[in-house]
Amino acid sequence: MRLAALLLALTLAAPASAFIAQNGLIVQPDGPASFTVPWRGKSGPADFWCAAGDYAVRKLHLAPATLIYRASEPPRRSGEGIRFTLRAEEAASATGLAVLGARGAGLTVGFAQSFCERHRTRR
């Protein structure tokens, strides 16, 4: 019952064009190839990537091998969200994550969405 009330509150607080990721973070489209995950409380980089990957899979219907990029430069300041893009030329210098073998600011959609698994196992 408590979870249902929380999801209802998040839905009512979100703009009509916003997407609510499975970890509860909101994703707002900025244009055809970019979107922002606003700050919504205590969240780390993996939480933002989870929301971005979930949006890319469930809303944009992108293939898991598609690359998405962090567009806002790390580190994220307190209270700031993170902007993501599908365009490599708009990418920041890094993902903001410690990922072995990663280069630049891009991750595959499937890998980004895999960060949501951590959220599901904490319940």
PDB file of N, CA and C in Angstrom:
ATOM      1  N   MET A   1       0.821  -1.185   0.000  1.00  0.00           N
ATOM      2  CA  MET A   1       0.000   0.000   0.000  1.00  0.00           C
ATOM      3  C   MET A   1       0.866   1.250   0.000  1.00  0.00           C
ATOM      4  N   ARG A   2       1.930   1.243   0.778  1.00  0.00           N
ATOM      5  CA  ARG A   2       2.816   2.400   0.847  1.00  0.00           C
ATOM      6  C   ARG A   2       3.485   2.677  -0.487  1.00  0.00           C
ATOM      7  N   LEU A   3       3.921   1.625  -1.186  1.00  0.00           N
ATOM      8  CA  LEU A   3       4.550   1.777  -2.500  1.00  0.00           C
ATOM      9  C   LEU A   3       3.561   2.360  -3.503  1.00  0.00           C
ATOM     10  N   ALA A   4       2.326   1.914  -3.469  1.00  0.00           N
ATOM     11  CA  ALA A   4       1.311   2.431  -4.384  1.00  0.00           C
ATOM     12  C   ALA A   4       1.087   3.917  -4.151  1.00  0.00           C
ATOM     13  N   ALA A   5       1.056   4.342  -2.899  1.00  0.00           N
ATOM     14  CA  ALA A   5       0.873   5.763  -2.584  1.00  0.00           C
ATOM     15  C   ALA A   5       2.061   6.580  -3.068  1.00  0.00           C
ATOM     16  N   LEU A   6       3.272   6.047  -2.920  1.00  0.00           N
ATOM     17  CA  LEU A   6       4.468   6.734  -3.385  1.00  0.00           C
ATOM     18  C   LEU A   6       4.452   6.882  -4.901  1.00  0.00           C
ATOM     19  N   LEU A   7       4.115   5.814  -5.606  1.00  0.00           N
ATOM     20  CA  LEU A   7       4.058   5.883  -7.073  1.00  0.00           C
ATOM     21  C   LEU A   7       2.984   6.856  -7.542  1.00  0.00           C
ATOM     22  N   LEU A   8       1.856   6.896  -6.860  1.00  0.00           N
ATOM     23  CA  LEU A   8       0.806   7.846  -7.208  1.00  0.00           C
ATOM     24  C   LEU A   8       1.295   9.276  -7.004  1.00  0.00           C
ATOM     25  N   ALA A   9       1.981   9.527  -5.893  1.00  0.00           N
ATOM     26  CA  ALA A   9       2.509  10.868  -5.621  1.00  0.00           C
ATOM     27  C   ALA A   9       3.537  11.269  -6.673  1.00  0.00           C
ATOM     28  N   LEU A  10       4.411  10.348  -7.058  1.00  0.00           N
ATOM     29  CA  LEU A  10       5.405  10.649  -8.089  1.00  0.00           C
ATOM     30  C   LEU A  10       4.736  10.935  -9.426  1.00  0.00           C
ATOM     31  N   THR A  11       3.712  10.180  -9.749  1.00  0.00           N
ATOM     32  CA  THR A  11       2.995  10.376 -11.002  1.00  0.00           C
ATOM     33  C   THR A  11       2.323  11.737 -11.041  1.00  0.00           C
ATOM     34  N   LEU A  12       1.716  12.134  -9.952  1.00  0.00           N
ATOM     35  CA  LEU A  12       1.036  13.426  -9.901  1.00  0.00           C
ATOM     36  C   LEU A  12       2.016  14.585  -9.934  1.00  0.00           C
ATOM     37  N   ALA A  13       3.229  14.382  -9.398  1.00  0.00           N
ATOM     38  CA  ALA A  13       4.230  15.442  -9.351  1.00  0.00           C
ATOM     39  C   ALA A  13       5.010  15.575 -10.659  1.00  0.00           C
ATOM     40  N   ALA A  14       4.944  14.572 -11.511  1.00  0.00           N
ATOM     41  CA  ALA A  14       5.718  14.568 -12.746  1.00  0.00           C
ATOM     42  C   ALA A  14       4.958  15.268 -13.870  1.00  0.00           C
ATOM     43  N   PRO A  15       5.686  15.984 -14.736  1.00  0.00           N
ATOM     44  CA  PRO A  15       5.030  16.566 -15.907  1.00  0.00           C
ATOM     45  C   PRO A  15       4.443  15.471 -16.787  1.00  0.00           C
ATOM     46  N   ALA A  16       3.448  15.824 -17.589  1.00  0.00           N
ATOM     47  CA  ALA A  16       2.761  14.841 -18.428  1.00  0.00           C
ATOM     48  C   ALA A  16       3.706  14.115 -19.381  1.00  0.00           C
ATOM     49  N   SER A  17       4.753  14.788 -19.863  1.00  0.00           N
ATOM     50  CA  SER A  17       5.671  14.168 -20.808  1.00  0.00           C
ATOM     51  C   SER A  17       6.781  13.372 -20.125  1.00  0.00           C
ATOM     52  N   ALA A  18       6.800  13.360 -18.792  1.00  0.00           N
ATOM     53  CA  ALA A  18       7.863  12.674 -18.064  1.00  0.00           C
ATOM     54  C   ALA A  18       7.620  11.169 -18.015  1.00  0.00           C
ATOM     55  N   PHE A  19       8.694  10.439 -17.839  1.00  0.00           N
ATOM     56  CA  PHE A  19       8.686   8.984 -17.729  1.00  0.00           C
ATOM     57  C   PHE A  19       9.200   8.645 -16.334  1.00  0.00           C
ATOM     58  N   ILE A  20       8.552   7.737 -15.640  1.00  0.00           N
ATOM     59  CA  ILE A  20       9.018   7.315 -14.319  1.00  0.00           C
ATOM     60  C   ILE A  20       9.714   5.973 -14.481  1.00  0.00           C
ATOM     61  N   ALA A  21      11.013   5.971 -14.199  1.00  0.00           N
ATOM     62  CA  ALA A  21      11.822   4.759 -14.321  1.00  0.00           C
ATOM     63  C   ALA A  21      11.492   3.796 -13.193  1.00  0.00           C
ATOM     64  N   GLN A  22      11.912   2.557 -13.348  1.00  0.00           N
ATOM     65  CA  GLN A  22      11.594   1.540 -12.352  1.00  0.00           C
ATOM     66  C   GLN A  22      12.230   1.804 -10.991  1.00  0.00           C
ATOM     67  N   ASN A  23      13.225   2.685 -10.905  1.00  0.00           N
ATOM     68  CA  ASN A  23      13.800   3.039  -9.611  1.00  0.00           C
ATOM     69  C   ASN A  23      13.155   4.292  -9.019  1.00  0.00           C
ATOM     70  N   GLY A  24      12.109   4.807  -9.678  1.00  0.00           N
ATOM     71  CA  GLY A  24      11.375   5.957  -9.163  1.00  0.00           C
ATOM     72  C   GLY A  24      11.864   7.305  -9.650  1.00  0.00           C
ATOM     73  N   LEU A  25      13.007   7.350 -10.333  1.00  0.00           N
ATOM     74  CA  LEU A  25      13.487   8.626 -10.853  1.00  0.00           C
ATOM     75  C   LEU A  25      12.694   9.002 -12.102  1.00  0.00           C
ATOM     76  N   ILE A  26      12.546  10.290 -12.307  1.00  0.00           N
ATOM     77  CA  ILE A  26      11.800  10.808 -13.442  1.00  0.00           C
ATOM     78  C   ILE A  26      12.763  11.123 -14.576  1.00  0.00           C
ATOM     79  N   VAL A  27      12.340  10.850 -15.799  1.00  0.00           N
ATOM     80  CA  VAL A  27      13.116  11.184 -16.989  1.00  0.00           C
ATOM     81  C   VAL A  27      12.271  12.124 -17.833  1.00  0.00           C
ATOM     82  N   GLN A  28      12.859  13.274 -18.180  1.00  0.00           N
ATOM     83  CA  GLN A  28      12.154  14.269 -18.971  1.00  0.00           C
ATOM     84  C   GLN A  28      12.829  14.415 -20.332  1.00  0.00           C
ATOM     85  N   PRO A  29      12.079  14.259 -21.419  1.00  0.00           N
ATOM     86  CA  PRO A  29      12.671  14.447 -22.747  1.00  0.00           C
ATOM     87  C   PRO A  29      13.042  15.912 -22.969  1.00  0.00           C
ATOM     88  N   ASP A  30      14.212  16.138 -23.573  1.00  0.00           N
ATOM     89  CA  ASP A  30      14.675  17.490 -23.901  1.00  0.00           C
ATOM     90  C   ASP A  30      14.517  17.761 -25.393  1.00  0.00           C
ATOM     91  N   GLY A  31      14.410  16.721 -26.157  1.00  0.00           N
ATOM     92  CA  GLY A  31      14.343  16.823 -27.613  1.00  0.00           C
ATOM     93  C   GLY A  31      14.338  15.426 -28.183  1.00  0.00           C
ATOM     94  N   PRO A  32      14.495  15.297 -29.487  1.00  0.00           N
ATOM     95  CA  PRO A  32      14.428  13.961 -30.100  1.00  0.00           C
ATOM     96  C   PRO A  32      15.586  13.040 -29.720  1.00  0.00           C
ATOM     97  N   ALA A  33      16.719  13.609 -29.315  1.00  0.00           N
ATOM     98  CA  ALA A  33      17.883  12.762 -29.028  1.00  0.00           C
ATOM     99  C   ALA A  33      18.495  13.022 -27.661  1.00  0.00           C
ATOM    100  N   SER A  34      17.788  13.718 -26.768  1.00  0.00           N
ATOM    101  CA  SER A  34      18.347  13.970 -25.441  1.00  0.00           C
ATOM    102  C   SER A  34      17.249  13.984 -24.390  1.00  0.00           C
ATOM    103  N   PHE A  35      17.650  13.711 -23.160  1.00  0.00           N
ATOM    104  CA  PHE A  35      16.722  13.680 -22.046  1.00  0.00           C
ATOM    105  C   PHE A  35      17.489  13.938 -20.757  1.00  0.00           C
ATOM    106  N   THR A  36      16.757  14.357 -19.733  1.00  0.00           N
ATOM    107  CA  THR A  36      17.366  14.700 -18.447  1.00  0.00           C
ATOM    108  C   THR A  36      16.725  13.888 -17.341  1.00  0.00           C
ATOM    109  N   VAL A  37      17.554  13.444 -16.401  1.00  0.00           N
ATOM    110  CA  VAL A  37      17.079  12.808 -15.186  1.00  0.00           C
ATOM    111  C   VAL A  37      17.322  13.826 -14.075  1.00  0.00           C
ATOM    112  N   PRO A  38      16.264  14.519 -13.624  1.00  0.00           N
ATOM    113  CA  PRO A  38      16.437  15.516 -12.569  1.00  0.00           C
ATOM    114  C   PRO A  38      16.777  14.868 -11.231  1.00  0.00           C
ATOM    115  N   TRP A  39      17.390  15.641 -10.372  1.00  0.00           N
ATOM    116  CA  TRP A  39      17.714  15.181  -9.025  1.00  0.00           C
ATOM    117  C   TRP A  39      16.421  14.990  -8.255  1.00  0.00           C
ATOM    118  N   ARG A  40      16.300  13.873  -7.540  1.00  0.00           N
ATOM    119  CA  ARG A  40      15.081  13.584  -6.767  1.00  0.00           C
ATOM    120  C   ARG A  40      15.430  13.034  -5.397  1.00  0.00           C
ATOM    121  N   GLY A  41      16.429  13.559  -4.765  1.00  0.00           N
ATOM    122  CA  GLY A  41      16.811  13.042  -3.450  1.00  0.00           C
ATOM    123  C   GLY A  41      18.103  12.267  -3.532  1.00  0.00           C
ATOM    124  N   LYS A  42      18.321  11.433  -2.552  1.00  0.00           N
ATOM    125  CA  LYS A  42      19.575  10.699  -2.437  1.00  0.00           C
ATOM    126  C   LYS A  42      19.712   9.679  -3.566  1.00  0.00           C
ATOM    127  N   SER A  43      20.540  10.011  -4.543  1.00  0.00           N
ATOM    128  CA  SER A  43      20.770   9.144  -5.702  1.00  0.00           C
ATOM    129  C   SER A  43      22.213   9.289  -6.156  1.00  0.00           C
ATOM    130  N   GLY A  44      22.802   8.185  -6.556  1.00  0.00           N
ATOM    131  CA  GLY A  44      24.155   8.211  -7.078  1.00  0.00           C
ATOM    132  C   GLY A  44      24.163   8.071  -8.590  1.00  0.00           C
ATOM    133  N   PRO A  45      25.341   8.127  -9.200  1.00  0.00           N
ATOM    134  CA  PRO A  45      25.437   8.016 -10.661  1.00  0.00           C
ATOM    135  C   PRO A  45      24.771   6.769 -11.228  1.00  0.00           C
ATOM    136  N   ALA A  46      24.890   5.633 -10.545  1.00  0.00           N
ATOM    137  CA  ALA A  46      24.274   4.402 -11.049  1.00  0.00           C
ATOM    138  C   ALA A  46      22.754   4.521 -11.102  1.00  0.00           C
ATOM    139  N   ASP A  47      22.161   5.258 -10.166  1.00  0.00           N
ATOM    140  CA  ASP A  47      20.710   5.458 -10.169  1.00  0.00           C
ATOM    141  C   ASP A  47      20.276   6.269 -11.390  1.00  0.00           C
ATOM    142  N   PHE A  48      21.064   7.289 -11.731  1.00  0.00           N
ATOM    143  CA  PHE A  48      20.754   8.110 -12.906  1.00  0.00           C
ATOM    144  C   PHE A  48      20.892   7.284 -14.187  1.00  0.00           C
ATOM    145  N   TRP A  49      21.945   6.459 -14.253  1.00  0.00           N
ATOM    146  CA  TRP A  49      22.136   5.605 -15.425  1.00  0.00           C
ATOM    147  C   TRP A  49      21.025   4.562 -15.535  1.00  0.00           C
ATOM    148  N   CYS A  50      20.574   4.027 -14.410  1.00  0.00           N
ATOM    149  CA  CYS A  50      19.441   3.093 -14.411  1.00  0.00           C
ATOM    150  C   CYS A  50      18.232   3.752 -15.065  1.00  0.00           C
ATOM    151  N   ALA A  51      17.906   4.964 -14.621  1.00  0.00           N
ATOM    152  CA  ALA A  51      16.744   5.681 -15.160  1.00  0.00           C
ATOM    153  C   ALA A  51      16.920   5.950 -16.657  1.00  0.00           C
ATOM    154  N   ALA A  52      18.117   6.344 -17.061  1.00  0.00           N
ATOM    155  CA  ALA A  52      18.384   6.626 -18.475  1.00  0.00           C
ATOM    156  C   ALA A  52      18.248   5.361 -19.317  1.00  0.00           C
ATOM    157  N   GLY A  53      18.811   4.257 -18.844  1.00  0.00           N
ATOM    158  CA  GLY A  53      18.709   2.996 -19.578  1.00  0.00           C
ATOM    159  C   GLY A  53      17.284   2.481 -19.648  1.00  0.00           C
ATOM    160  N   ASP A  54      16.554   2.598 -18.548  1.00  0.00           N
ATOM    161  CA  ASP A  54      15.172   2.151 -18.513  1.00  0.00           C
ATOM    162  C   ASP A  54      14.314   2.969 -19.479  1.00  0.00           C
ATOM    163  N   TYR A  55      14.537   4.269 -19.522  1.00  0.00           N
ATOM    164  CA  TYR A  55      13.825   5.151 -20.455  1.00  0.00           C
ATOM    165  C   TYR A  55      14.146   4.769 -21.904  1.00  0.00           C
ATOM    166  N   ALA A  56      15.423   4.520 -22.161  1.00  0.00           N
ATOM    167  CA  ALA A  56      15.841   4.171 -23.522  1.00  0.00           C
ATOM    168  C   ALA A  56      15.214   2.861 -23.992  1.00  0.00           C
ATOM    169  N   VAL A  57      15.062   1.898 -23.080  1.00  0.00           N
ATOM    170  CA  VAL A  57      14.480   0.606 -23.449  1.00  0.00           C
ATOM    171  C   VAL A  57      12.955   0.674 -23.514  1.00  0.00           C
ATOM    172  N   ARG A  58      12.330   1.143 -22.434  1.00  0.00           N
ATOM    173  CA  ARG A  58      10.863   1.047 -22.345  1.00  0.00           C
ATOM    174  C   ARG A  58      10.106   2.177 -23.037  1.00  0.00           C
ATOM    175  N   LYS A  59      10.702   3.346 -23.153  1.00  0.00           N
ATOM    176  CA  LYS A  59      10.010   4.470 -23.791  1.00  0.00           C
ATOM    177  C   LYS A  59      10.466   4.687 -25.236  1.00  0.00           C
ATOM    178  N   LEU A  60      11.800   4.692 -25.441  1.00  0.00           N
ATOM    179  CA  LEU A  60      12.333   4.925 -26.783  1.00  0.00           C
ATOM    180  C   LEU A  60      12.428   3.646 -27.611  1.00  0.00           C
ATOM    181  N   HIS A  61      12.303   2.487 -26.957  1.00  0.00           N
ATOM    182  CA  HIS A  61      12.362   1.173 -27.626  1.00  0.00           C
ATOM    183  C   HIS A  61      13.686   0.967 -28.372  1.00  0.00           C
ATOM    184  N   LEU A  62      14.783   1.410 -27.751  1.00  0.00           N
ATOM    185  CA  LEU A  62      16.103   1.239 -28.350  1.00  0.00           C
ATOM    186  C   LEU A  62      16.632  -0.162 -28.069  1.00  0.00           C
ATOM    187  N   ALA A  63      17.438  -0.662 -28.971  1.00  0.00           N
ATOM    188  CA  ALA A  63      18.064  -1.974 -28.798  1.00  0.00           C
ATOM    189  C   ALA A  63      19.080  -1.906 -27.663  1.00  0.00           C
ATOM    190  N   PRO A  64      19.257  -2.998 -26.918  1.00  0.00           N
ATOM    191  CA  PRO A  64      20.188  -3.002 -25.788  1.00  0.00           C
ATOM    192  C   PRO A  64      21.629  -2.633 -26.150  1.00  0.00           C
ATOM    193  N   ALA A  65      22.048  -2.850 -27.386  1.00  0.00           N
ATOM    194  CA  ALA A  65      23.416  -2.540 -27.801  1.00  0.00           C
ATOM    195  C   ALA A  65      23.604  -1.074 -28.205  1.00  0.00           C
ATOM    196  N   THR A  66      22.526  -0.297 -28.245  1.00  0.00           N
ATOM    197  CA  THR A  66      22.614   1.117 -28.608  1.00  0.00           C
ATOM    198  C   THR A  66      23.369   1.888 -27.528  1.00  0.00           C
ATOM    199  N   LEU A  67      24.233   2.803 -27.944  1.00  0.00           N
ATOM    200  CA  LEU A  67      24.965   3.615 -26.977  1.00  0.00           C
ATOM    201  C   LEU A  67      24.174   4.853 -26.595  1.00  0.00           C
ATOM    202  N   ILE A  68      24.185   5.144 -25.293  1.00  0.00           N
ATOM    203  CA  ILE A  68      23.690   6.427 -24.797  1.00  0.00           C
ATOM    204  C   ILE A  68      24.858   7.082 -24.078  1.00  0.00           C
ATOM    205  N   TYR A  69      24.848   8.394 -24.036  1.00  0.00           N
ATOM    206  CA  TYR A  69      25.980   9.151 -23.519  1.00  0.00           C
ATOM    207  C   TYR A  69      25.537  10.114 -22.428  1.00  0.00           C
ATOM    208  N   ARG A  70      26.399  10.293 -21.472  1.00  0.00           N
ATOM    209  CA  ARG A  70      26.187  11.346 -20.495  1.00  0.00           C
ATOM    210  C   ARG A  70      26.584  12.646 -21.192  1.00  0.00           C
ATOM    211  N   ALA A  71      25.704  13.646 -21.152  1.00  0.00           N
ATOM    212  CA  ALA A  71      25.980  14.924 -21.815  1.00  0.00           C
ATOM    213  C   ALA A  71      26.456  15.983 -20.835  1.00  0.00           C
ATOM    214  N   SER A  72      26.068  15.896 -19.584  1.00  0.00           N
ATOM    215  CA  SER A  72      26.528  16.879 -18.592  1.00  0.00           C
ATOM    216  C   SER A  72      27.812  16.371 -17.943  1.00  0.00           C
ATOM    217  N   GLU A  73      28.778  17.265 -17.816  1.00  0.00           N
ATOM    218  CA  GLU A  73      30.094  16.878 -17.286  1.00  0.00           C
ATOM    219  C   GLU A  73      30.031  16.447 -15.821  1.00  0.00           C
ATOM    220  N   PRO A  74      30.693  15.334 -15.495  1.00  0.00           N
ATOM    221  CA  PRO A  74      30.810  14.972 -14.083  1.00  0.00           C
ATOM    222  C   PRO A  74      31.861  15.859 -13.408  1.00  0.00           C
ATOM    223  N   PRO A  75      31.830  16.015 -12.137  1.00  0.00           N
ATOM    224  CA  PRO A  75      30.876  15.422 -11.210  1.00  0.00           C
ATOM    225  C   PRO A  75      29.581  16.227 -11.161  1.00  0.00           C
ATOM    226  N   ARG A  76      28.515  15.539 -10.805  1.00  0.00           N
ATOM    227  CA  ARG A  76      27.220  16.184 -10.633  1.00  0.00           C
ATOM    228  C   ARG A  76      27.233  16.917  -9.300  1.00  0.00           C
ATOM    229  N   ARG A  77      26.842  18.154  -9.321  1.00  0.00           N
ATOM    230  CA  ARG A  77      26.770  18.915  -8.068  1.00  0.00           C
ATOM    231  C   ARG A  77      25.514  18.524  -7.304  1.00  0.00           C
ATOM    232  N   SER A  78      25.541  18.731  -6.012  1.00  0.00           N
ATOM    233  CA  SER A  78      24.393  18.435  -5.166  1.00  0.00           C
ATOM    234  C   SER A  78      23.149  19.147  -5.678  1.00  0.00           C
ATOM    235  N   GLY A  79      22.071  18.415  -5.836  1.00  0.00           N
ATOM    236  CA  GLY A  79      20.814  18.987  -6.291  1.00  0.00           C
ATOM    237  C   GLY A  79      20.662  19.098  -7.799  1.00  0.00           C
ATOM    238  N   GLU A  80      21.671  18.714  -8.561  1.00  0.00           N
ATOM    239  CA  GLU A  80      21.601  18.772 -10.022  1.00  0.00           C
ATOM    240  C   GLU A  80      21.242  17.411 -10.603  1.00  0.00           C
ATOM    241  N   GLY A  81      20.589  17.453 -11.749  1.00  0.00           N
ATOM    242  CA  GLY A  81      20.295  16.234 -12.484  1.00  0.00           C
ATOM    243  C   GLY A  81      21.407  15.934 -13.473  1.00  0.00           C
ATOM    244  N   ILE A  82      21.187  14.933 -14.299  1.00  0.00           N
ATOM    245  CA  ILE A  82      22.150  14.561 -15.339  1.00  0.00           C
ATOM    246  C   ILE A  82      21.414  14.512 -16.675  1.00  0.00           C
ATOM    247  N   ARG A  83      22.014  15.135 -17.686  1.00  0.00           N
ATOM    248  CA  ARG A  83      21.464  15.127 -19.042  1.00  0.00           C
ATOM    249  C   ARG A  83      22.156  14.025 -19.834  1.00  0.00           C
ATOM    250  N   PHE A  84      21.375  13.296 -20.630  1.00  0.00           N
ATOM    251  CA  PHE A  84      21.874  12.210 -21.467  1.00  0.00           C
ATOM    252  C   PHE A  84      21.534  12.496 -22.921  1.00  0.00           C
ATOM    253  N   THR A  85      22.290  11.899 -23.833  1.00  0.00           N
ATOM    254  CA  THR A  85      22.060  12.113 -25.258  1.00  0.00           C
ATOM    255  C   THR A  85      22.336  10.829 -26.041  1.00  0.00           C
ATOM    256  N   LEU A  86      21.785  10.779 -27.228  1.00  0.00           N
ATOM    257  CA  LEU A  86      22.067   9.673 -28.146  1.00  0.00           C
ATOM    258  C   LEU A  86      23.149  10.057 -29.146  1.00  0.00           C
ATOM    259  N   ARG A  87      23.608  11.294 -29.100  1.00  0.00           N
ATOM    260  CA  ARG A  87      24.601  11.817 -30.049  1.00  0.00           C
ATOM    261  C   ARG A  87      26.004  11.813 -29.425  1.00  0.00           C
ATOM    262  N   ALA A  88      26.907  11.082 -30.033  1.00  0.00           N
ATOM    263  CA  ALA A  88      28.280  10.983 -29.525  1.00  0.00           C
ATOM    264  C   ALA A  88      28.970  12.341 -29.479  1.00  0.00           C
ATOM    265  N   GLU A  89      28.659  13.220 -30.426  1.00  0.00           N
ATOM    266  CA  GLU A  89      29.317  14.532 -30.464  1.00  0.00           C
ATOM    267  C   GLU A  89      28.890  15.446 -29.308  1.00  0.00           C
ATOM    268  N   GLU A  90      27.822  15.103 -28.598  1.00  0.00           N
ATOM    269  CA  GLU A  90      27.365  15.892 -27.453  1.00  0.00           C
ATOM    270  C   GLU A  90      27.806  15.292 -26.124  1.00  0.00           C
ATOM    271  N   ALA A  91      28.592  14.220 -26.176  1.00  0.00           N
ATOM    272  CA  ALA A  91      28.980  13.490 -24.974  1.00  0.00           C
ATOM    273  C   ALA A  91      29.944  14.281 -24.100  1.00  0.00           C
ATOM    274  N   ALA A  92      29.818  14.079 -22.802  1.00  0.00           N
ATOM    275  CA  ALA A  92      30.758  14.627 -21.828  1.00  0.00           C
ATOM    276  C   ALA A  92      32.066  13.826 -21.923  1.00  0.00           C
ATOM    277  N   SER A  93      32.996  14.137 -21.067  1.00  0.00           N
ATOM    278  CA  SER A  93      34.287  13.452 -21.113  1.00  0.00           C
ATOM    279  C   SER A  93      34.290  12.104 -20.409  1.00  0.00           C
ATOM    280  N   ALA A  94      33.306  11.850 -19.533  1.00  0.00           N
ATOM    281  CA  ALA A  94      33.277  10.600 -18.769  1.00  0.00           C
ATOM    282  C   ALA A  94      31.852  10.264 -18.361  1.00  0.00           C
ATOM    283  N   THR A  95      31.652   9.009 -17.940  1.00  0.00           N
ATOM    284  CA  THR A  95      30.325   8.550 -17.524  1.00  0.00           C
ATOM    285  C   THR A  95      29.972   8.999 -16.111  1.00  0.00           C
ATOM    286  N   GLY A  96      30.985   9.252 -15.291  1.00  0.00           N
ATOM    287  CA  GLY A  96      30.736   9.536 -13.885  1.00  0.00           C
ATOM    288  C   GLY A  96      30.702   8.270 -13.048  1.00  0.00           C
ATOM    289  N   LEU A  97      30.979   7.136 -13.686  1.00  0.00           N
ATOM    290  CA  LEU A  97      31.014   5.834 -13.028  1.00  0.00           C
ATOM    291  C   LEU A  97      32.417   5.257 -13.117  1.00  0.00           C
ATOM    292  N   ALA A  98      32.743   4.367 -12.218  1.00  0.00           N
ATOM    293  CA  ALA A  98      33.990   3.614 -12.315  1.00  0.00           C
ATOM    294  C   ALA A  98      33.652   2.304 -13.025  1.00  0.00           C
ATOM    295  N   VAL A  99      33.895   2.258 -14.348  1.00  0.00           N
ATOM    296  CA  VAL A  99      33.550   1.094 -15.157  1.00  0.00           C
ATOM    297  C   VAL A  99      34.811   0.605 -15.852  1.00  0.00           C
ATOM    298  N   LEU A 100      35.197  -0.640 -15.578  1.00  0.00           N
ATOM    299  CA  LEU A 100      36.392  -1.202 -16.201  1.00  0.00           C
ATOM    300  C   LEU A 100      36.195  -1.337 -17.698  1.00  0.00           C
ATOM    301  N   GLY A 101      37.145  -0.868 -18.471  1.00  0.00           N
ATOM    302  CA  GLY A 101      37.114  -1.005 -19.914  1.00  0.00           C
ATOM    303  C   GLY A 101      36.282   0.039 -20.635  1.00  0.00           C
ATOM    304  N   ALA A 102      35.582   0.894 -19.901  1.00  0.00           N
ATOM    305  CA  ALA A 102      34.750   1.918 -20.554  1.00  0.00           C
ATOM    306  C   ALA A 102      35.625   3.062 -21.036  1.00  0.00           C
ATOM    307  N   ARG A 103      35.264   3.597 -22.185  1.00  0.00           N
ATOM    308  CA  ARG A 103      35.973   4.759 -22.731  1.00  0.00           C
ATOM    309  C   ARG A 103      34.948   5.833 -23.002  1.00  0.00           C
ATOM    310  N   GLY A 104      35.275   7.048 -22.606  1.00  0.00           N
ATOM    311  CA  GLY A 104      34.370   8.159 -22.867  1.00  0.00           C
ATOM    312  C   GLY A 104      33.177   8.158 -21.946  1.00  0.00           C
ATOM    313  N   ALA A 105      32.095   8.755 -22.426  1.00  0.00           N
ATOM    314  CA  ALA A 105      30.909   8.955 -21.595  1.00  0.00           C
ATOM    315  C   ALA A 105      29.730   8.112 -22.037  1.00  0.00           C
ATOM    316  N   GLY A 106      29.976   7.055 -22.826  1.00  0.00           N
ATOM    317  CA  GLY A 106      28.874   6.244 -23.328  1.00  0.00           C
ATOM    318  C   GLY A 106      28.826   4.859 -22.730  1.00  0.00           C
ATOM    319  N   LEU A 107      27.595   4.366 -22.563  1.00  0.00           N
ATOM    320  CA  LEU A 107      27.345   2.990 -22.148  1.00  0.00           C
ATOM    321  C   LEU A 107      26.250   2.441 -23.050  1.00  0.00           C
ATOM    322  N   THR A 108      26.191   1.139 -23.172  1.00  0.00           N
ATOM    323  CA  THR A 108      25.074   0.569 -23.919  1.00  0.00           C
ATOM    324  C   THR A 108      23.808   0.719 -23.086  1.00  0.00           C
ATOM    325  N   VAL A 109      22.698   0.777 -23.772  1.00  0.00           N
ATOM    326  CA  VAL A 109      21.400   0.895 -23.123  1.00  0.00           C
ATOM    327  C   VAL A 109      21.185  -0.276 -22.156  1.00  0.00           C
ATOM    328  N   GLY A 110      21.542  -1.481 -22.585  1.00  0.00           N
ATOM    329  CA  GLY A 110      21.366  -2.660 -21.745  1.00  0.00           C
ATOM    330  C   GLY A 110      22.195  -2.597 -20.481  1.00  0.00           C
ATOM    331  N   PHE A 111      23.448  -2.135 -20.598  1.00  0.00           N
ATOM    332  CA  PHE A 111      24.304  -2.027 -19.422  1.00  0.00           C
ATOM    333  C   PHE A 111      23.764  -0.963 -18.471  1.00  0.00           C
ATOM    334  N   ALA A 112      23.319   0.162 -19.017  1.00  0.00           N
ATOM    335  CA  ALA A 112      22.756   1.221 -18.178  1.00  0.00           C
ATOM    336  C   ALA A 112      21.526   0.715 -17.427  1.00  0.00           C
ATOM    337  N   GLN A 113      20.647   0.002 -18.111  1.00  0.00           N
ATOM    338  CA  GLN A 113      19.446  -0.502 -17.463  1.00  0.00           C
ATOM    339  C   GLN A 113      19.780  -1.575 -16.422  1.00  0.00           C
ATOM    340  N   SER A 114      20.919  -2.241 -16.577  1.00  0.00           N
ATOM    341  CA  SER A 114      21.302  -3.272 -15.606  1.00  0.00           C
ATOM    342  C   SER A 114      21.542  -2.693 -14.209  1.00  0.00           C
ATOM    343  N   PHE A 115      21.801  -1.407 -14.107  1.00  0.00           N
ATOM    344  CA  PHE A 115      21.956  -0.785 -12.788  1.00  0.00           C
ATOM    345  C   PHE A 115      20.635  -0.801 -12.022  1.00  0.00           C
ATOM    346  N   CYS A 116      19.530  -1.003 -12.689  1.00  0.00           N
ATOM    347  CA  CYS A 116      18.228  -1.098 -12.018  1.00  0.00           C
ATOM    348  C   CYS A 116      18.119  -2.386 -11.211  1.00  0.00           C
ATOM    349  N   GLU A 117      18.874  -3.416 -11.573  1.00  0.00           N
ATOM    350  CA  GLU A 117      18.861  -4.685 -10.838  1.00  0.00           C
ATOM    351  C   GLU A 117      19.254  -4.466  -9.386  1.00  0.00           C
ATOM    352  N   ARG A 118      20.198  -3.586  -9.152  1.00  0.00           N
ATOM    353  CA  ARG A 118      20.648  -3.277  -7.795  1.00  0.00           C
ATOM    354  C   ARG A 118      19.486  -2.735  -6.974  1.00  0.00           C
ATOM    355  N   HIS A 119      18.664  -1.905  -7.590  1.00  0.00           N
ATOM    356  CA  HIS A 119      17.516  -1.317  -6.889  1.00  0.00           C
ATOM    357  C   HIS A 119      16.480  -2.380  -6.546  1.00  0.00           C
ATOM    358  N   ARG A 120      16.232  -3.296  -7.464  1.00  0.00           N
ATOM    359  CA  ARG A 120      15.229  -4.344  -7.222  1.00  0.00           C
ATOM    360  C   ARG A 120      15.657  -5.294  -6.121  1.00  0.00           C
ATOM    361  N   THR A 121      16.943  -5.563  -5.987  1.00  0.00           N
ATOM    362  CA  THR A 121      17.405  -6.514  -4.975  1.00  0.00           C
ATOM    363  C   THR A 121      17.464  -5.899  -3.580  1.00  0.00           C
ATOM    364  N   ARG A 122      17.377  -4.574  -3.448  1.00  0.00           N
ATOM    365  CA  ARG A 122      17.437  -3.913  -2.141  1.00  0.00           C
ATOM    366  C   ARG A 122      16.084  -3.908  -1.429  1.00  0.00           C
ATOM    367  N   ARG A 123      15.008  -4.201  -2.101  1.00  0.00           N
ATOM    368  CA  ARG A 123      13.668  -4.128  -1.488  1.00  0.00           C
ATOM    369  C   ARG A 123      13.460  -5.124  -0.409  1.00  0.00           C
TER     370      ARG A 123
END
